[in-house]
Amino acid sequence: MDFKKRCAYCNLHEEMITSYFEVDHFVPRKEFEKGWLQLETDYNNLMLSCPKCNKEKGSAFRGDLSVNYDNDLFYNPVDHDYNTVFFRDEFCGIASNDKKGNEMIVLLKLYRPIHNLAGICDFSKRVIEKIEVKLKLLDVNCQDYKKLHELKNELKSYYSDCRDVFTANYNNKEFEIE
């Protein structure tokens, strides 16, 4: 599965952080070392993960590898469209109306403010992109163009500040709420 340079669990884009993304084994190594060694390199068991999600997921596992190789604690991003399980709430936090989705939020600590901040950055960037598309359709001399261009510049400044705060605090333990 192609994760489009985003964390399989929190959807963070890799350009947002200065550290490298990691490869997470959906069924953890300590589980499959007992007999399912092919899971070490099985493409469907390898998830692109930001360091925070990879650390929190760690070796968490529930399942029976004699029946299938799945991890019942988490929806497998290869098999499930996370857009049907998770959404951003009014504070850009990661939320779910699904029991297992909510359990994943707790296990992966997706309730942390850093994930809200990432959501705000993503939302701002998408709005800027939509404004840029609109601007291409407008006459440069019309009043709407000027207002929209000014709005885009203000939002770009906000996005830049937001991203700077995110980047500065991604690994800051004091920024986290446990």
C-alpha atoms as a PDB file:
ATOM      1  CA  MET A   1       0.000   0.000   0.000  1.00  0.00           C
ATOM      2  CA  ASP A   2       1.236   3.475  -0.805  1.00  0.00           C
ATOM      3  CA  PHE A   3       0.785   5.753   2.182  1.00  0.00           C
ATOM      4  CA  LYS A   4       1.472   8.879   0.097  1.00  0.00           C
ATOM      5  CA  LYS A   5       4.220   9.993   2.486  1.00  0.00           C
ATOM      6  CA  ARG A   6       1.774  10.010   5.411  1.00  0.00           C
ATOM      7  CA  CYS A   7       1.772   8.127   8.682  1.00  0.00           C
ATOM      8  CA  ALA A   8      -0.489   5.083   8.408  1.00  0.00           C
ATOM      9  CA  TYR A   9      -1.985   5.841  11.824  1.00  0.00           C
ATOM     10  CA  CYS A  10      -2.246   9.618  12.355  1.00  0.00           C
ATOM     11  CA  ASN A  11      -2.044  10.776   8.704  1.00  0.00           C
ATOM     12  CA  LEU A  12       0.834  13.184   9.421  1.00  0.00           C
ATOM     13  CA  HIS A  13       2.698  14.135   6.235  1.00  0.00           C
ATOM     14  CA  GLU A  14       6.406  13.348   6.418  1.00  0.00           C
ATOM     15  CA  GLU A  15       7.350  16.881   5.320  1.00  0.00           C
ATOM     16  CA  MET A  16       6.027  18.188   8.643  1.00  0.00           C
ATOM     17  CA  ILE A  17       8.834  16.731  10.758  1.00  0.00           C
ATOM     18  CA  THR A  18      12.592  16.856  10.614  1.00  0.00           C
ATOM     19  CA  SER A  19      13.125  13.237  11.695  1.00  0.00           C
ATOM     20  CA  TYR A  20      12.578  10.290   9.369  1.00  0.00           C
ATOM     21  CA  PHE A  21       9.442   8.207   9.230  1.00  0.00           C
ATOM     22  CA  GLU A  22       9.842   4.612  10.358  1.00  0.00           C
ATOM     23  CA  VAL A  23       8.569   1.226   9.217  1.00  0.00           C
ATOM     24  CA  ASP A  24       6.138  -0.329  11.665  1.00  0.00           C
ATOM     25  CA  HIS A  25       5.330  -4.032  11.630  1.00  0.00           C
ATOM     26  CA  PHE A  26       1.552  -4.189  11.971  1.00  0.00           C
ATOM     27  CA  VAL A  27       1.934  -7.623  13.568  1.00  0.00           C
ATOM     28  CA  PRO A  28       4.924  -6.879  15.816  1.00  0.00           C
ATOM     29  CA  ARG A  29       8.229  -8.667  15.388  1.00  0.00           C
ATOM     30  CA  LYS A  30       8.090 -10.267  18.850  1.00  0.00           C
ATOM     31  CA  GLU A  31       4.850 -12.009  17.795  1.00  0.00           C
ATOM     32  CA  PHE A  32       5.801 -13.243  14.343  1.00  0.00           C
ATOM     33  CA  GLU A  33       9.271 -14.404  15.401  1.00  0.00           C
ATOM     34  CA  LYS A  34       7.442 -17.365  16.929  1.00  0.00           C
ATOM     35  CA  GLY A  35       6.798 -18.857  13.507  1.00  0.00           C
ATOM     36  CA  TRP A  36       5.591 -16.368  10.902  1.00  0.00           C
ATOM     37  CA  LEU A  37       8.993 -15.021   9.840  1.00  0.00           C
ATOM     38  CA  GLN A  38       7.646 -14.013   6.407  1.00  0.00           C
ATOM     39  CA  LEU A  39       5.903 -11.108   8.169  1.00  0.00           C
ATOM     40  CA  GLU A  40       9.315  -9.441   8.539  1.00  0.00           C
ATOM     41  CA  THR A  41       9.151  -8.405   4.882  1.00  0.00           C
ATOM     42  CA  ASP A  42       5.493  -8.980   3.946  1.00  0.00           C
ATOM     43  CA  TYR A  43       4.462  -5.711   2.288  1.00  0.00           C
ATOM     44  CA  ASN A  44       1.000  -5.861   3.879  1.00  0.00           C
ATOM     45  CA  ASN A  45       2.597  -6.018   7.338  1.00  0.00           C
ATOM     46  CA  LEU A  46       4.814  -2.953   6.813  1.00  0.00           C
ATOM     47  CA  MET A  47       3.319   0.420   7.699  1.00  0.00           C
ATOM     48  CA  LEU A  48       4.874   3.840   7.159  1.00  0.00           C
ATOM     49  CA  SER A  49       4.711   5.456  10.563  1.00  0.00           C
ATOM     50  CA  CYS A  50       5.739   8.693  12.190  1.00  0.00           C
ATOM     51  CA  PRO A  51       8.086   8.161  15.145  1.00  0.00           C
ATOM     52  CA  LYS A  52       5.358   9.048  17.692  1.00  0.00           C
ATOM     53  CA  CYS A  53       2.849   6.496  16.381  1.00  0.00           C
ATOM     54  CA  ASN A  54       5.509   3.821  15.928  1.00  0.00           C
ATOM     55  CA  LYS A  55       6.672   4.327  19.527  1.00  0.00           C
ATOM     56  CA  GLU A  56       3.142   4.250  20.941  1.00  0.00           C
ATOM     57  CA  LYS A  57       2.075   1.224  18.929  1.00  0.00           C
ATOM     58  CA  GLY A  58       5.295  -0.574  19.802  1.00  0.00           C
ATOM     59  CA  SER A  59       4.648  -4.276  20.256  1.00  0.00           C
ATOM     60  CA  ALA A  60       0.961  -3.937  21.172  1.00  0.00           C
ATOM     61  CA  PHE A  61      -0.790  -7.021  19.867  1.00  0.00           C
ATOM     62  CA  ARG A  62      -3.916  -9.065  20.306  1.00  0.00           C
ATOM     63  CA  GLY A  63      -4.724 -11.953  18.040  1.00  0.00           C
ATOM     64  CA  ASP A  64      -4.122 -15.568  17.159  1.00  0.00           C
ATOM     65  CA  LEU A  65      -1.488 -16.038  14.489  1.00  0.00           C
ATOM     66  CA  SER A  66      -2.546 -19.663  14.037  1.00  0.00           C
ATOM     67  CA  VAL A  67      -5.839 -18.383  12.612  1.00  0.00           C
ATOM     68  CA  ASN A  68      -4.665 -15.349  10.625  1.00  0.00           C
ATOM     69  CA  TYR A  69      -1.966 -12.776  10.829  1.00  0.00           C
ATOM     70  CA  ASP A  70      -3.821  -9.743  11.997  1.00  0.00           C
ATOM     71  CA  ASN A  71      -3.608  -7.465  15.013  1.00  0.00           C
ATOM     72  CA  ASP A  72      -7.065  -7.155  16.525  1.00  0.00           C
ATOM     73  CA  LEU A  73      -6.103  -4.036  18.516  1.00  0.00           C
ATOM     74  CA  PHE A  74      -5.934  -1.920  15.368  1.00  0.00           C
ATOM     75  CA  TYR A  75      -7.650  -1.578  12.026  1.00  0.00           C
ATOM     76  CA  ASN A  76      -5.116  -2.537   9.407  1.00  0.00           C
ATOM     77  CA  PRO A  77      -4.612   0.521   7.154  1.00  0.00           C
ATOM     78  CA  VAL A  78      -4.075  -1.848   4.215  1.00  0.00           C
ATOM     79  CA  ASP A  79      -7.573  -3.306   4.604  1.00  0.00           C
ATOM     80  CA  HIS A  80      -9.525  -0.342   6.013  1.00  0.00           C
ATOM     81  CA  ASP A  81     -10.023   3.131   4.653  1.00  0.00           C
ATOM     82  CA  TYR A  82      -9.275   5.205   7.741  1.00  0.00           C
ATOM     83  CA  ASN A  83     -11.507   7.962   6.351  1.00  0.00           C
ATOM     84  CA  THR A  84     -14.453   5.700   7.248  1.00  0.00           C
ATOM     85  CA  VAL A  85     -13.178   5.220  10.826  1.00  0.00           C
ATOM     86  CA  PHE A  86     -11.585   8.558  11.752  1.00  0.00           C
ATOM     87  CA  PHE A  87     -12.386  12.217  11.166  1.00  0.00           C
ATOM     88  CA  ARG A  88     -11.181  15.586  12.392  1.00  0.00           C
ATOM     89  CA  ASP A  89     -13.436  17.176  15.002  1.00  0.00           C
ATOM     90  CA  GLU A  90     -14.107  20.919  15.364  1.00  0.00           C
ATOM     91  CA  PHE A  91     -10.708  21.333  17.061  1.00  0.00           C
ATOM     92  CA  CYS A  92      -8.912  19.392  14.295  1.00  0.00           C
ATOM     93  CA  GLY A  93      -8.436  16.523  16.732  1.00  0.00           C
ATOM     94  CA  ILE A  94      -8.575  12.933  15.546  1.00  0.00           C
ATOM     95  CA  ALA A  95     -11.956  11.453  16.467  1.00  0.00           C
ATOM     96  CA  SER A  96     -14.049   8.381  15.722  1.00  0.00           C
ATOM     97  CA  ASN A  97     -17.634   7.222  16.128  1.00  0.00           C
ATOM     98  CA  ASP A  98     -16.380   3.652  16.161  1.00  0.00           C
ATOM     99  CA  LYS A  99     -15.506   1.629  19.301  1.00  0.00           C
ATOM    100  CA  LYS A 100     -12.288   0.147  17.905  1.00  0.00           C
ATOM    101  CA  GLY A 101     -11.396   3.525  16.371  1.00  0.00           C
ATOM    102  CA  ASN A 102     -11.712   5.167  19.800  1.00  0.00           C
ATOM    103  CA  GLU A 103      -9.615   2.396  21.364  1.00  0.00           C
ATOM    104  CA  MET A 104      -6.932   3.088  18.730  1.00  0.00           C
ATOM    105  CA  ILE A 105      -7.034   6.804  19.570  1.00  0.00           C
ATOM    106  CA  VAL A 106      -6.249   5.933  23.191  1.00  0.00           C
ATOM    107  CA  LEU A 107      -3.627   3.262  22.407  1.00  0.00           C
ATOM    108  CA  LEU A 108      -1.781   5.461  19.901  1.00  0.00           C
ATOM    109  CA  LYS A 109      -2.370   8.632  21.975  1.00  0.00           C
ATOM    110  CA  LEU A 110      -3.879  10.357  18.962  1.00  0.00           C
ATOM    111  CA  TYR A 111      -5.650  12.718  21.376  1.00  0.00           C
ATOM    112  CA  ARG A 112      -2.426  14.659  21.949  1.00  0.00           C
ATOM    113  CA  PRO A 113      -2.400  18.382  21.100  1.00  0.00           C
ATOM    114  CA  ILE A 114       0.404  17.806  18.580  1.00  0.00           C
ATOM    115  CA  HIS A 115      -2.059  15.836  16.431  1.00  0.00           C
ATOM    116  CA  ASN A 116      -4.580  18.707  16.631  1.00  0.00           C
ATOM    117  CA  LEU A 117      -1.870  21.097  15.520  1.00  0.00           C
ATOM    118  CA  ALA A 118      -0.976  18.809  12.612  1.00  0.00           C
ATOM    119  CA  GLY A 119      -4.658  18.787  11.629  1.00  0.00           C
ATOM    120  CA  ILE A 120      -4.819  22.587  11.738  1.00  0.00           C
ATOM    121  CA  CYS A 121      -1.738  22.780   9.509  1.00  0.00           C
ATOM    122  CA  ASP A 122      -3.218  20.262   7.041  1.00  0.00           C
ATOM    123  CA  PHE A 123      -6.554  22.094   6.953  1.00  0.00           C
ATOM    124  CA  SER A 124      -4.862  25.473   6.401  1.00  0.00           C
ATOM    125  CA  LYS A 125      -2.729  24.094   3.594  1.00  0.00           C
ATOM    126  CA  ARG A 126      -5.773  22.583   1.829  1.00  0.00           C
ATOM    127  CA  VAL A 127      -7.651  25.901   2.054  1.00  0.00           C
ATOM    128  CA  ILE A 128      -4.645  27.751   0.593  1.00  0.00           C
ATOM    129  CA  GLU A 129      -4.561  25.283  -2.311  1.00  0.00           C
ATOM    130  CA  LYS A 130      -8.293  25.797  -2.960  1.00  0.00           C
ATOM    131  CA  ILE A 131      -7.873  29.574  -2.911  1.00  0.00           C
ATOM    132  CA  GLU A 132      -5.005  29.305  -5.401  1.00  0.00           C
ATOM    133  CA  VAL A 133      -7.243  27.314  -7.765  1.00  0.00           C
ATOM    134  CA  LYS A 134      -9.967  29.987  -7.456  1.00  0.00           C
ATOM    135  CA  LEU A 135      -7.457  32.777  -8.088  1.00  0.00           C
ATOM    136  CA  LYS A 136      -6.452  31.204 -11.401  1.00  0.00           C
ATOM    137  CA  LEU A 137     -10.056  31.501 -12.557  1.00  0.00           C
ATOM    138  CA  LEU A 138     -10.472  35.167 -11.666  1.00  0.00           C
ATOM    139  CA  ASP A 139      -9.459  38.307 -13.501  1.00  0.00           C
ATOM    140  CA  VAL A 140      -6.428  39.816 -11.749  1.00  0.00           C
ATOM    141  CA  ASN A 141      -8.039  43.255 -11.739  1.00  0.00           C
ATOM    142  CA  CYS A 142     -11.363  42.309 -10.153  1.00  0.00           C
ATOM    143  CA  GLN A 143     -12.166  43.103  -6.524  1.00  0.00           C
ATOM    144  CA  ASP A 144     -12.755  39.427  -5.601  1.00  0.00           C
ATOM    145  CA  TYR A 145      -9.277  38.546  -6.822  1.00  0.00           C
ATOM    146  CA  LYS A 146      -7.672  41.174  -4.622  1.00  0.00           C
ATOM    147  CA  LYS A 147      -9.646  40.103  -1.527  1.00  0.00           C
ATOM    148  CA  LEU A 148      -8.955  36.440  -2.136  1.00  0.00           C
ATOM    149  CA  HIS A 149      -5.269  37.107  -2.771  1.00  0.00           C
ATOM    150  CA  GLU A 150      -5.035  39.036   0.507  1.00  0.00           C
ATOM    151  CA  LEU A 151      -6.819  36.228   2.344  1.00  0.00           C
ATOM    152  CA  LYS A 152      -4.434  33.677   0.836  1.00  0.00           C
ATOM    153  CA  ASN A 153      -1.426  35.680   2.011  1.00  0.00           C
ATOM    154  CA  GLU A 154      -2.831  35.967   5.544  1.00  0.00           C
ATOM    155  CA  LEU A 155      -3.573  32.261   5.638  1.00  0.00           C
ATOM    156  CA  LYS A 156      -0.089  31.432   4.324  1.00  0.00           C
ATOM    157  CA  SER A 157       1.404  33.468   7.147  1.00  0.00           C
ATOM    158  CA  TYR A 158      -0.832  31.669   9.662  1.00  0.00           C
ATOM    159  CA  TYR A 159       0.093  28.285   8.167  1.00  0.00           C
ATOM    160  CA  SER A 160       3.779  29.141   8.340  1.00  0.00           C
ATOM    161  CA  ASP A 161       3.508  30.125  12.013  1.00  0.00           C
ATOM    162  CA  CYS A 162       1.447  27.037  12.806  1.00  0.00           C
ATOM    163  CA  ARG A 163       3.913  24.769  11.056  1.00  0.00           C
ATOM    164  CA  ASP A 164       6.844  26.397  12.881  1.00  0.00           C
ATOM    165  CA  VAL A 165       5.132  25.764  16.229  1.00  0.00           C
ATOM    166  CA  PHE A 166       4.374  22.176  15.200  1.00  0.00           C
ATOM    167  CA  THR A 167       7.936  21.474  14.069  1.00  0.00           C
ATOM    168  CA  ALA A 168       9.431  23.055  17.193  1.00  0.00           C
ATOM    169  CA  ASN A 169       7.192  20.994  19.459  1.00  0.00           C
ATOM    170  CA  TYR A 170       6.869  17.626  17.718  1.00  0.00           C
ATOM    171  CA  ASN A 171       9.466  16.062  20.025  1.00  0.00           C
ATOM    172  CA  ASN A 172       8.916  18.375  22.989  1.00  0.00           C
ATOM    173  CA  LYS A 173       7.711  16.245  25.930  1.00  0.00           C
ATOM    174  CA  GLU A 174       6.419  19.357  27.728  1.00  0.00           C
ATOM    175  CA  PHE A 175       4.002  19.979  24.837  1.00  0.00           C
ATOM    176  CA  GLU A 176       2.292  16.628  25.446  1.00  0.00           C
ATOM    177  CA  ILE A 177      -0.638  15.890  27.713  1.00  0.00           C
ATOM    178  CA  GLU A 178      -0.777  12.407  29.145  1.00  0.00           C
END
